[in-house]
Amino acid sequence: MTAIKHALQRDIFTPNDERLLSIVNVCKAGKKKKNCFLCATVTTERPVQVKMVKVKKSDKGDFYKRQIAWALRDLAVVDAKDAIKENPEFDLHFEKIYKWVASSTAEKNAFISCIWKLNQRYLRKKIDFVNVSSQLLEESVPSGENQSVTGGDEEVVDVYQELNAREEQDIEIMMEGCECAISNAEAFAERLSRELQVLDGANIQSIMASEKQVNILMKLLDEALKEVDQIELKLSSYEEMLQSVKEQMDQISESNHLIHLSNTNNVKLLSEIEFLVNHMDLAKGHIKALQEGDLASSRGIEACTNAADALLQCMNVALRPGHDMLLAVKQQQQRFSDLREHFARRLASHLNNVFVQQGHDQSSTLAQHSVELALPNHHPFHRDLLRYAKLMEWLKSTDYGKYEGLTKNYMDYLSRLYEREIKDFFEVAKIKMTGTTKESKKFATLPRKESAVKQETESLHGSSGKLTGSTSSLNKLSVQSSGNRRSQSSSLLDMGNMSASDLDVADRTKFDKIFEQVLSELEPLCLAEQDFISKFFKLQQHQSMPGTMTEAEDIDGGTLSRQHNAGAPLPVSSEKDMIRQMMIKIFRCIEPELNNLIALGDKIDSFNSLYMLVKMSHHVWTAQNVDPASFLSTTLGNVLVTVKRNFDKCIWRK
């Protein structure tokens, strides 16, 4: 036990400036035996704090760890269970009763005795000791009585007293003067006896003579004892006062600790509140803009954009652990969600109305373009819608469902609008192509139904089994410059004079100009719409690497054209594919109308396929330089395949 006490003092109590006074090995009563140690300690610094500490041996090693500590002033009762019989059980009454069983009765008694002494010295007998033997409870005994009792014991134990040096010297002198005593011991003994009697009588007379002085000394001793009693009373009162001051200082120290802890908690709480207020507080102006902001004016759109960005920042703030458990944070997050849903509905509804209004406005302007060979300009509509680009980006990141719904509605409205515009545009082109020739009367009365045009196209495609021309000529035509195109045009006119006698050069030149104007009108329209889609719907256009083959160049154009007309959804693997899919849905009528126009030009004059081949090759080459994988490049590539087939048929017939 001494080794354990030394180890506990060294490892646990010395680092905490405490001194171990007593220790007892105990286990809890009525439970599985898990031994631990109860230690009585005092602090080495003033004010002295008396504690009772429970120490437990670690399960994973040979070291001890401090488990729980109680202040001794919190101990109310010590119950030893039995004051007569030896019993290792005892109870300690703190805020609740702890029942212990000591490893031995001796350790239990020593521990209770230590608690009693600490109670007498530091707590002014506040603790009640129940069922404790009176032998363990030491009582205060005056120091004089202790000395007398101690002296009496020493006389009983030590009967023999050794002579001192002076007594030995006196005996030697006396023996030198009485040499006869050596031969006659009895005479010597009698002489000594007589001398001792004389000395005893002298001593008695001396004592009787000093009785007065002894009485005076006793009186002085009595007065000294009275003074000592008074001093002890004063010291007791001072000790009580100091004990009261000590308790007050302990309370002040505890209150200071609690105040410091409270201040620290208040600072941390204020920091957390400032964090939440700074990052999750949405200005009233932003809330009003999200709820009632004008989405038709530029100032209102800007206010709504700023409010939407602020709302997104508040919703995406990285909360610290525990913030999501706060009711106010949950309510604020729910409020942000409601604002987001409300504004997303407002924005989607407004943009749908803008799409519908654009369809009506553009329909009213179709009449003025019905005579001219020109497509309506959508730039004002794109310019107005681009003001909502940032809001579309916000909608894409916060509510992708409504973003997809707007994308679908835009494609539906614009596909119908562009279909009307493009069909009217091609109708004007057909009228201008057929209006000045002798054979235009029969073509002018052709029905404009798609079924009839489709039959004509299929008859053109199926009239010959295999193509006699090679597709390698397309690559040669696509790399020629615009300067050489003029010399080619003149040579083509000469070839026309030599090969066709039924049509003159003026008609072919007119057809060439009309076909060029058709392609020149379609090209900026598609490019402008594709650029608007990428900016408005926040879809990045990634440029393809030069030299790569597109879908139009790898597969048969007729097959791809049928896929586009059927409206089969393409797998969207990237934003680039999404742009292409939207363009296919919006301009699904361009390729069929171009094929119908090519079929019409080939019927008017089969030699027109040569003009169309040159024009289409140049435009395909231009489109591929801009973006080889774009919708325009793919569509013109498909049409170029059809033109090349018609040209091969013309050569085969000639």
Foldseek 3Di string as FASTA:
>chain_A
DVVVQVQCCVPPVVVVQKDWDAKFWKAAPPDDGFIWMWTWIWHPDPPIWIKIWIKHADPVDRHIDTDDMDTLLQWAEKEPPAAPDQAQWIWTAGVHITIIGTPGSVSVLVVVLVSLVCCVQQVVVRHYYHNHHPVSRDDDDDPVVVVVVVVVVCCVVCVDDDDDPVVVVVVVVVCVVCVVCVVPVVVVVVVVVVVVVVVVVVVVVVCVVCVVVVVVVVVVVVVVVVVVVVVVVVVVVVSVVVSVVRVVVVVVVVVVVVVVVVVVVVVVVVVLVVVLCVQLPQDPQLLCLLQPFDPQDLVSLVSPLVSLVSLVRSLPDDHDPPPVVDPVSVVSNVVSVVSVVSSLVVVLVVLLVLLVVVLVVLVVVLVVCLQPLAFDDCVVVLVSLLSCQSVLVSCCVPPVPSNVVSLVSNLVSLLVSVVVRLLSNLLNLLCQLLVPDPCSVVVNPDDPDLVVLVVLLVCLVPVDDDFPDDPVVLVVLLPDDPVVVVVVLVVLQVVCVVPDDRDHSVSLVSNLVSLLSNLVNVVVVLVVVLVSCCRRNVQDADADDPPDAEPLRPDALVVVLVVLLVLDQDDDPGSNSVSQSSSSSNPVPPLSSLSSSLSSVCVVPLSSLVSVLNSLSHVLSVVVVVGCHHNVNNSSSSVNSSSVRSNSVVVVVD
